[in-house]
Amino acid sequence: MNVSEVLNYIPKEELSRLSLEYNIDYQVKKLDGQTMFQLLLFSMLNVRHNSLRVMEHFYHSLAFKSIANQSFDGVKYNSLRDRLVTINPDYFEAIFKKCLEQFQDKYLQKKHNIISFDSTLVSISSKLLKEGMRINKQGDKRFVKFSMAFSNVPVHSKIFTEQGFVSEDFALKELINECVLSKENILVFDRGLQSRSSFEEFNENGFIFVTRLNNYTRFEVINEFEVKEQETEKLTINRDIEVRLYDKSNKKTQSFLRLIIATEKQSKEVFYFLSNSDSLTAKEIVAIYKQRWEIEVFFKFIKQHLNFNHLISRDINGIRVMMYMTLITAILLTVYKKLNELKGYKIPKLKFANELEVLIIKDIVLKCGGDPNKMQNLFGTS
């Protein structure tokens, strides 16, 4: 599948319909919603270090003018800044959901229907960002927390700036509660979420989860299960036991919980894996938790290659817009790389951007009355 096919999953007609639905262009003459979407997508694909001034440059480039909904002289970086502050972010959320809907059922199914939950932080000087949480009292930084549900691609995301959500027990719990889940899903999260009451609640709601515990966690053994497959590539599984966990007030959990204790073969480090599944094997539980690493790889990619380690807008409205644009771009790149059997993220992004450039050049040639097919060898995308 080429870039034009991927981009056609978000046709201009659909962008126009959503613009009307969300009243995105009310009393706006320049920088309408569709143009802003195209500009943000174009700049994210073409540069690693995006900024308002970079977007100003792209806006006035010949390449962008050939694909833009409309173009005006006099648009500056401060115009883009002000538009990000006022434009309705629900419009971009709707485009994100549309992308997800288009791709998910056909291309993004995953064994066990695993959904991973995790957060990443972006910091900025407290002199520049008024909203935001402090991680420690000594630093002169404020942080914005982006919490995401991830299953091959991000499926839900939430921004936290309030101090109370520094703890993942609160942030991830709220994210999970907002996420549309089915009883077939397996929820996977790291040690940040340790609340015993959350474990009990997941059991009550019929949701299967897999996580890790600190290896000094206090527990009471209720039952011991036979470990039929003890070896994985890097771990030796020592025990598979039903347990009750103690909380800080010495109260014990009451619902079914399994603790898998394993040792890393080389370092001899001990790992505790926790689940409430009574059907998965110990080896499957360990393997499912290992897949959580994919969300860490995703965070690294969007920070290094989609500029997600930098806040282009310091207003919460603009931050929401940029978050959804990042997720939309990531979905398009993920589908592109899967359908073209590419690995990683860096090379697929480069090839995607190159193909997009070719499409733009062909369009310019056509508008000038030429025939791009006469130079097909020049436009090769391999």
Protein backbone atom coordinates (compact mmCIF):
# COMPACT_ATOMS: atom_id res chain seq x y z
CA MET A 1 0.00 0.00 0.00
CA ASN A 2 1.33 3.44 -0.93
CA VAL A 3 1.01 6.77 0.84
CA SER A 4 -1.91 8.00 -1.28
CA GLU A 5 -3.99 4.97 -0.25
CA VAL A 6 -3.19 5.53 3.43
CA LEU A 7 -4.04 9.23 3.24
CA ASN A 8 -7.30 8.46 1.44
CA TYR A 9 -8.56 6.91 4.65
CA ILE A 10 -9.02 10.53 5.74
CA PRO A 11 -10.66 12.02 2.61
CA LYS A 12 -11.10 15.77 2.31
CA GLU A 13 -14.87 15.26 2.27
CA GLU A 14 -14.71 13.70 5.73
CA LEU A 15 -12.52 16.53 7.04
CA SER A 16 -15.04 19.03 5.67
CA ARG A 17 -17.94 17.17 7.27
CA LEU A 18 -16.20 17.13 10.65
CA SER A 19 -15.40 20.83 10.25
CA LEU A 20 -19.11 21.53 9.98
CA GLU A 21 -20.03 19.14 12.80
CA TYR A 22 -17.61 20.80 15.24
CA ASN A 23 -18.18 24.33 13.92
CA ILE A 24 -14.43 24.54 13.53
CA ASP A 25 -14.34 27.47 11.12
CA TYR A 26 -16.89 29.84 12.67
CA GLN A 27 -15.69 33.41 12.08
CA VAL A 28 -12.35 32.14 10.74
CA LYS A 29 -11.04 33.48 7.42
CA LYS A 30 -7.53 32.07 7.55
CA LEU A 31 -6.19 28.79 8.94
CA ASP A 32 -9.40 26.79 8.74
CA GLY A 33 -9.56 23.39 10.41
CA GLN A 34 -8.71 21.38 7.31
CA THR A 35 -5.69 23.54 6.53
CA MET A 36 -4.45 23.30 10.13
CA PHE A 37 -4.79 19.50 10.00
CA GLN A 38 -2.86 19.32 6.72
CA LEU A 39 -0.16 21.71 7.94
CA LEU A 40 0.39 19.86 11.22
CA LEU A 41 0.52 16.47 9.49
CA PHE A 42 2.85 17.75 6.75
CA SER A 43 5.28 19.35 9.20
CA MET A 44 5.32 16.35 11.55
CA LEU A 45 6.21 14.03 8.70
CA ASN A 46 8.96 16.22 7.31
CA VAL A 47 10.94 17.43 10.34
CA ARG A 48 12.08 16.00 13.65
CA HIS A 49 12.15 19.31 15.52
CA ASN A 50 8.88 21.01 14.71
CA SER A 51 8.03 24.53 15.88
CA LEU A 52 5.67 27.39 15.08
CA ARG A 53 8.34 29.05 12.91
CA VAL A 54 8.96 25.78 11.06
CA MET A 55 5.21 25.48 10.39
CA GLU A 56 5.16 29.08 9.15
CA HIS A 57 7.88 28.15 6.65
CA PHE A 58 5.97 25.06 5.51
CA TYR A 59 2.72 26.99 5.18
CA HIS A 60 4.26 29.33 2.60
CA SER A 61 6.17 26.61 0.71
CA LEU A 62 5.21 25.64 -2.83
CA ALA A 63 4.84 22.02 -1.77
CA PHE A 64 2.27 22.78 0.92
CA LYS A 65 0.35 25.26 -1.23
CA SER A 66 -0.20 22.46 -3.76
CA ILE A 67 -2.06 20.30 -1.21
CA ALA A 68 -3.54 22.92 1.13
CA ASN A 69 -7.23 23.63 1.33
CA GLN A 70 -6.36 27.32 0.92
CA SER A 71 -3.36 29.61 1.43
CA PHE A 72 -3.03 33.27 2.46
CA ASP A 73 -0.15 35.71 2.51
CA GLY A 74 0.71 37.21 5.86
CA VAL A 75 0.24 34.07 7.99
CA LYS A 76 2.98 34.16 10.64
CA TYR A 77 4.04 31.92 13.50
CA ASN A 78 2.03 33.99 15.98
CA SER A 79 -1.09 33.42 13.86
CA LEU A 80 -0.48 29.67 14.17
CA ARG A 81 0.09 30.04 17.92
CA ASP A 82 -3.19 31.89 18.38
CA ARG A 83 -5.11 29.41 16.24
CA LEU A 84 -3.84 26.47 18.31
CA VAL A 85 -5.12 28.20 21.43
CA THR A 86 -8.63 28.70 20.05
CA ILE A 87 -9.31 25.86 17.61
CA ASN A 88 -11.62 23.11 18.89
CA PRO A 89 -9.47 20.07 19.82
CA ASP A 90 -12.55 17.82 19.62
CA TYR A 91 -12.25 18.11 15.84
CA PHE A 92 -8.80 16.49 15.96
CA GLU A 93 -10.01 13.88 18.44
CA ALA A 94 -12.77 12.98 15.98
CA ILE A 95 -10.23 12.57 13.16
CA PHE A 96 -8.13 10.37 15.46
CA LYS A 97 -11.16 8.17 16.22
CA LYS A 98 -11.98 7.99 12.52
CA CYS A 99 -8.45 6.78 11.72
CA LEU A 100 -8.64 4.22 14.49
CA GLU A 101 -12.02 3.00 13.27
CA GLN A 102 -10.77 2.67 9.68
CA PHE A 103 -7.67 0.66 10.52
CA GLN A 104 -8.30 -1.22 13.75
CA ASP A 105 -10.55 -4.11 12.72
CA LYS A 106 -8.74 -4.84 9.47
CA TYR A 107 -5.09 -4.34 10.33
CA LEU A 108 -4.49 -3.92 14.04
CA GLN A 109 -5.80 -7.04 15.74
CA LYS A 110 -3.48 -8.59 18.25
CA LYS A 111 -3.23 -11.96 19.96
CA HIS A 112 -5.10 -12.01 23.29
CA ASN A 113 -6.45 -8.50 22.51
CA ILE A 114 -3.88 -6.97 24.85
CA ILE A 115 -4.13 -3.29 25.79
CA SER A 116 -1.13 -1.72 27.52
CA PHE A 117 -1.45 1.35 29.75
CA ASP A 118 1.40 3.70 30.56
CA SER A 119 2.34 7.37 30.85
CA THR A 120 5.10 9.64 29.62
CA LEU A 121 6.10 13.08 30.88
CA VAL A 122 7.03 16.26 29.01
CA SER A 123 8.67 19.05 31.00
CA ILE A 124 9.11 22.77 30.52
CA SER A 125 10.32 25.66 32.67
CA SER A 126 7.76 26.76 35.25
CA LYS A 127 8.32 30.32 33.98
CA LEU A 128 6.82 29.29 30.64
CA LEU A 129 4.14 26.80 31.71
CA LYS A 130 1.66 27.90 34.36
CA GLU A 131 -0.36 24.69 34.38
CA GLY A 132 1.43 21.45 35.11
CA MET A 133 2.58 19.19 37.93
CA ARG A 134 5.82 19.24 39.88
CA ILE A 135 7.66 15.95 40.24
CA ASN A 136 9.98 17.21 42.96
CA LYS A 137 10.06 20.38 45.02
CA GLN A 138 13.60 21.41 44.09
CA GLY A 139 13.38 21.52 40.29
CA ASP A 140 12.24 24.56 38.32
CA LYS A 141 10.16 22.44 35.95
CA ARG A 142 6.50 21.74 35.40
CA PHE A 143 5.37 18.51 33.80
CA VAL A 144 2.50 17.48 31.58
CA LYS A 145 1.60 13.79 31.84
CA PHE A 146 0.30 11.99 28.76
CA SER A 147 -1.31 8.65 29.66
CA MET A 148 -2.14 6.26 26.85
CA ALA A 149 -3.86 2.98 26.12
CA PHE A 150 -1.94 1.14 23.42
CA SER A 151 -2.70 -1.91 21.26
CA ASN A 152 -0.41 -1.81 18.22
CA VAL A 153 -1.39 1.86 18.02
CA PRO A 154 -2.70 4.30 20.65
CA VAL A 155 -6.42 3.67 21.20
CA HIS A 156 -7.10 6.24 23.92
CA SER A 157 -5.17 9.08 25.52
CA LYS A 158 -5.55 11.60 28.32
CA ILE A 159 -3.62 14.65 29.51
CA PHE A 160 -2.99 15.29 33.20
CA THR A 161 -1.65 18.55 34.62
CA GLU A 162 -3.10 18.44 38.16
CA GLN A 163 -0.68 17.61 40.96
CA GLY A 164 -2.84 14.77 42.27
CA PHE A 165 -2.22 12.75 39.13
CA VAL A 166 1.54 12.49 39.64
CA SER A 167 0.73 9.03 41.02
CA GLU A 168 -0.01 6.41 38.37
CA ASP A 169 -2.46 4.83 40.81
CA PHE A 170 -4.74 7.77 40.00
CA ALA A 171 -3.72 8.63 36.42
CA LEU A 172 -3.78 5.12 34.95
CA LYS A 173 -6.89 4.17 36.90
CA GLU A 174 -8.76 7.13 35.42
CA LEU A 175 -7.45 6.33 31.94
CA ILE A 176 -8.61 2.70 32.25
CA ASN A 177 -12.03 3.79 33.50
CA GLU A 178 -12.45 6.04 30.44
CA CYS A 179 -11.25 3.45 27.94
CA VAL A 180 -13.85 1.40 26.05
CA LEU A 181 -13.04 -2.17 27.09
CA SER A 182 -14.49 -5.62 26.57
CA LYS A 183 -14.20 -8.75 28.70
CA GLU A 184 -11.89 -10.18 25.99
CA ASN A 185 -9.27 -7.51 26.66
CA ILE A 186 -6.24 -8.15 28.83
CA LEU A 187 -5.07 -5.01 30.62
CA VAL A 188 -1.30 -4.69 31.02
CA PHE A 189 0.37 -2.03 33.12
CA ASP A 190 3.61 -1.46 35.01
CA ARG A 191 4.33 -1.16 38.73
CA GLY A 192 3.13 2.44 38.84
CA LEU A 193 -0.39 1.15 39.45
CA GLN A 194 -0.17 -0.79 42.71
CA SER A 195 -3.48 -0.01 44.41
CA ARG A 196 -4.94 -3.17 45.94
CA SER A 197 -8.44 -1.69 45.62
CA SER A 198 -7.89 -1.32 41.86
CA PHE A 199 -6.93 -4.99 41.60
CA GLU A 200 -10.12 -5.89 43.47
CA GLU A 201 -12.19 -3.62 41.24
CA PHE A 202 -10.81 -5.15 38.04
CA ASN A 203 -11.81 -8.56 39.39
CA GLU A 204 -15.31 -7.35 40.26
CA ASN A 205 -15.75 -5.89 36.76
CA GLY A 206 -14.53 -9.07 35.08
CA PHE A 207 -11.40 -7.56 33.53
CA ILE A 208 -8.28 -9.69 33.23
CA PHE A 209 -5.01 -7.89 33.95
CA VAL A 210 -1.28 -8.58 34.02
CA THR A 211 1.23 -6.43 35.89
CA ARG A 212 4.44 -6.53 37.90
CA LEU A 213 4.89 -6.11 41.63
CA ASN A 214 7.89 -5.01 43.65
CA ASN A 215 9.75 -8.10 44.80
CA TYR A 216 9.45 -7.03 48.43
CA THR A 217 5.63 -7.15 48.26
CA ARG A 218 4.04 -8.84 51.29
CA PHE A 219 1.60 -11.64 50.52
CA GLU A 220 -0.09 -14.71 51.97
CA VAL A 221 -0.01 -17.98 50.01
CA ILE A 222 -3.44 -19.56 49.48
CA ASN A 223 -2.66 -22.23 46.94
CA GLU A 224 0.28 -23.45 44.86
CA PHE A 225 -0.02 -24.45 41.21
CA GLU A 226 2.23 -26.71 39.19
CA VAL A 227 4.54 -24.89 36.78
CA LYS A 228 4.49 -27.04 33.65
CA GLU A 229 6.74 -24.85 31.50
CA GLN A 230 9.49 -23.30 33.58
CA GLU A 231 11.79 -21.84 30.94
CA THR A 232 11.45 -18.76 28.76
CA GLU A 233 14.25 -17.24 26.72
CA LYS A 234 15.51 -15.13 29.64
CA LEU A 235 13.60 -16.29 32.71
CA THR A 236 13.19 -19.34 34.89
CA ILE A 237 9.69 -19.54 36.39
CA ASN A 238 10.01 -20.72 39.98
CA ARG A 239 6.51 -20.51 41.45
CA ASP A 240 2.89 -20.01 40.42
CA ILE A 241 0.78 -19.30 43.50
CA GLU A 242 -2.61 -17.96 44.49
CA VAL A 243 -2.09 -15.16 46.99
CA ARG A 244 -3.68 -12.47 49.08
CA LEU A 245 -1.78 -9.18 49.06
CA TYR A 246 -1.36 -6.88 52.05
CA ASP A 247 -1.93 -3.15 51.66
CA LYS A 248 -0.33 -0.35 53.68
CA SER A 249 -2.88 -0.71 56.47
CA ASN A 250 -2.24 -4.47 56.70
CA LYS A 251 -5.56 -5.30 55.07
CA LYS A 252 -5.58 -8.32 52.73
CA THR A 253 -7.16 -8.62 49.30
CA GLN A 254 -10.05 -11.06 48.98
CA SER A 255 -10.45 -11.77 45.25
CA PHE A 256 -8.48 -14.27 43.17
CA LEU A 257 -4.90 -13.22 42.41
CA ARG A 258 -1.97 -15.21 41.01
CA LEU A 259 1.65 -14.37 41.67
CA ILE A 260 4.28 -15.70 39.27
CA ILE A 261 7.80 -15.60 40.70
CA ALA A 262 10.62 -15.83 38.15
CA THR A 263 14.39 -15.37 38.08
CA GLU A 264 16.38 -13.74 35.28
CA LYS A 265 18.86 -16.38 34.11
CA GLN A 266 21.87 -14.14 33.68
CA SER A 267 21.54 -11.55 36.47
CA LYS A 268 19.59 -13.77 38.91
CA GLU A 269 17.23 -10.83 39.55
CA VAL A 270 13.84 -11.89 40.92
CA PHE A 271 10.63 -10.70 39.20
CA TYR A 272 7.07 -10.79 40.54
CA PHE A 273 4.27 -10.94 37.95
CA LEU A 274 0.65 -10.58 39.05
CA SER A 275 -2.55 -11.56 37.25
CA ASN A 276 -6.14 -12.43 38.05
CA SER A 277 -6.46 -14.93 35.18
CA ASP A 278 -7.26 -18.53 36.10
CA SER A 279 -6.89 -19.77 32.51
CA LEU A 280 -3.58 -18.38 31.25
CA THR A 281 -0.45 -20.40 31.98
CA ALA A 282 2.39 -18.87 33.98
CA LYS A 283 4.50 -18.73 30.81
CA GLU A 284 1.71 -16.91 28.93
CA ILE A 285 1.36 -14.35 31.72
CA VAL A 286 5.10 -13.60 31.59
CA ALA A 287 4.98 -13.35 27.78
CA ILE A 288 1.98 -10.99 27.87
CA TYR A 289 3.74 -8.67 30.30
CA LYS A 290 6.77 -8.62 28.02
CA GLN A 291 4.60 -7.15 25.24
CA ARG A 292 4.12 -4.06 27.40
CA TRP A 293 7.55 -2.98 26.15
CA GLU A 294 5.91 -2.00 22.84
CA ILE A 295 4.36 1.09 24.43
CA GLU A 296 7.80 2.13 25.70
CA VAL A 297 9.16 1.83 22.14
CA PHE A 298 6.19 3.90 20.92
CA PHE A 299 6.86 6.67 23.46
CA LYS A 300 10.51 6.73 22.41
CA PHE A 301 9.52 7.03 18.75
CA ILE A 302 7.03 9.90 19.14
CA LYS A 303 9.48 11.79 21.35
CA GLN A 304 12.47 11.33 19.04
CA HIS A 305 10.80 11.55 15.64
CA LEU A 306 7.42 13.30 16.09
CA ASN A 307 8.64 16.07 18.40
CA PHE A 308 6.54 14.85 21.35
CA ASN A 309 9.25 15.79 23.85
CA HIS A 310 8.57 19.46 23.12
CA LEU A 311 5.42 21.52 23.79
CA ILE A 312 4.76 23.61 20.67
CA SER A 313 1.80 25.16 22.48
CA ARG A 314 1.84 25.90 26.21
CA ASP A 315 -1.92 26.24 26.37
CA ILE A 316 -3.91 23.12 27.31
CA ASN A 317 -6.10 23.55 24.21
CA GLY A 318 -3.06 23.59 21.92
CA ILE A 319 -1.49 20.72 23.84
CA ARG A 320 -4.60 18.60 23.17
CA VAL A 321 -4.49 19.44 19.46
CA MET A 322 -0.83 18.49 19.19
CA MET A 323 -1.40 15.26 21.13
CA TYR A 324 -4.14 14.08 18.77
CA MET A 325 -2.15 15.10 15.69
CA THR A 326 0.78 13.07 16.99
CA LEU A 327 -1.46 10.04 17.49
CA ILE A 328 -3.03 10.42 14.04
CA THR A 329 0.42 10.62 12.43
CA ALA A 330 1.54 7.57 14.42
CA ILE A 331 -1.48 5.54 13.26
CA LEU A 332 -0.85 6.41 9.61
CA LEU A 333 2.83 5.47 9.91
CA THR A 334 2.04 2.23 11.76
CA VAL A 335 -0.40 1.06 9.10
CA TYR A 336 1.99 2.11 6.33
CA LYS A 337 4.86 0.13 7.83
CA LYS A 338 2.72 -2.96 8.52
CA LEU A 339 1.27 -3.10 5.02
CA ASN A 340 4.71 -2.58 3.47
CA GLU A 341 6.35 -5.05 5.89
CA LEU A 342 8.78 -2.50 7.27
CA LYS A 343 10.45 -2.66 10.67
CA GLY A 344 10.86 0.03 13.30
CA TYR A 345 9.59 3.59 12.92
CA LYS A 346 12.45 5.73 11.62
CA ILE A 347 12.73 4.26 8.10
CA PRO A 348 8.93 4.00 7.56
CA LYS A 349 8.60 7.68 8.48
CA LEU A 350 11.35 8.64 6.02
CA LYS A 351 9.82 6.55 3.21
CA PHE A 352 6.34 7.91 3.98
CA ALA A 353 7.61 11.52 3.79
CA ASN A 354 9.49 10.78 0.57
CA GLU A 355 6.40 9.26 -1.06
CA LEU A 356 4.32 12.23 0.07
CA GLU A 357 6.85 14.56 -1.57
CA VAL A 358 6.58 12.58 -4.81
CA LEU A 359 2.77 12.86 -4.74
CA ILE A 360 3.06 16.63 -4.30
CA ILE A 361 5.57 17.00 -7.14
CA LYS A 362 3.35 14.93 -9.45
CA ASP A 363 0.41 17.14 -8.56
CA ILE A 364 2.42 20.28 -9.33
CA VAL A 365 3.50 18.81 -12.70
CA LEU A 366 -0.12 17.99 -13.56
CA LYS A 367 -1.31 21.47 -12.61
CA CYS A 368 1.36 22.91 -14.90
CA GLY A 369 0.04 20.83 -17.81
CA GLY A 370 2.77 18.18 -17.74
CA ASP A 371 2.71 14.38 -17.59
CA PRO A 372 4.49 12.95 -14.51
CA ASN A 373 4.32 9.44 -16.02
CA LYS A 374 7.03 10.47 -18.47
CA MET A 375 9.45 10.69 -15.54
CA GLN A 376 8.31 7.57 -13.68
CA ASN A 377 11.91 6.43 -13.15
CA LEU A 378 12.56 9.69 -11.26
CA PHE A 379 9.52 9.16 -9.05
CA GLY A 380 10.43 5.64 -7.92
CA THR A 381 9.71 5.22 -4.19
CA SER A 382 11.77 2.13 -3.43
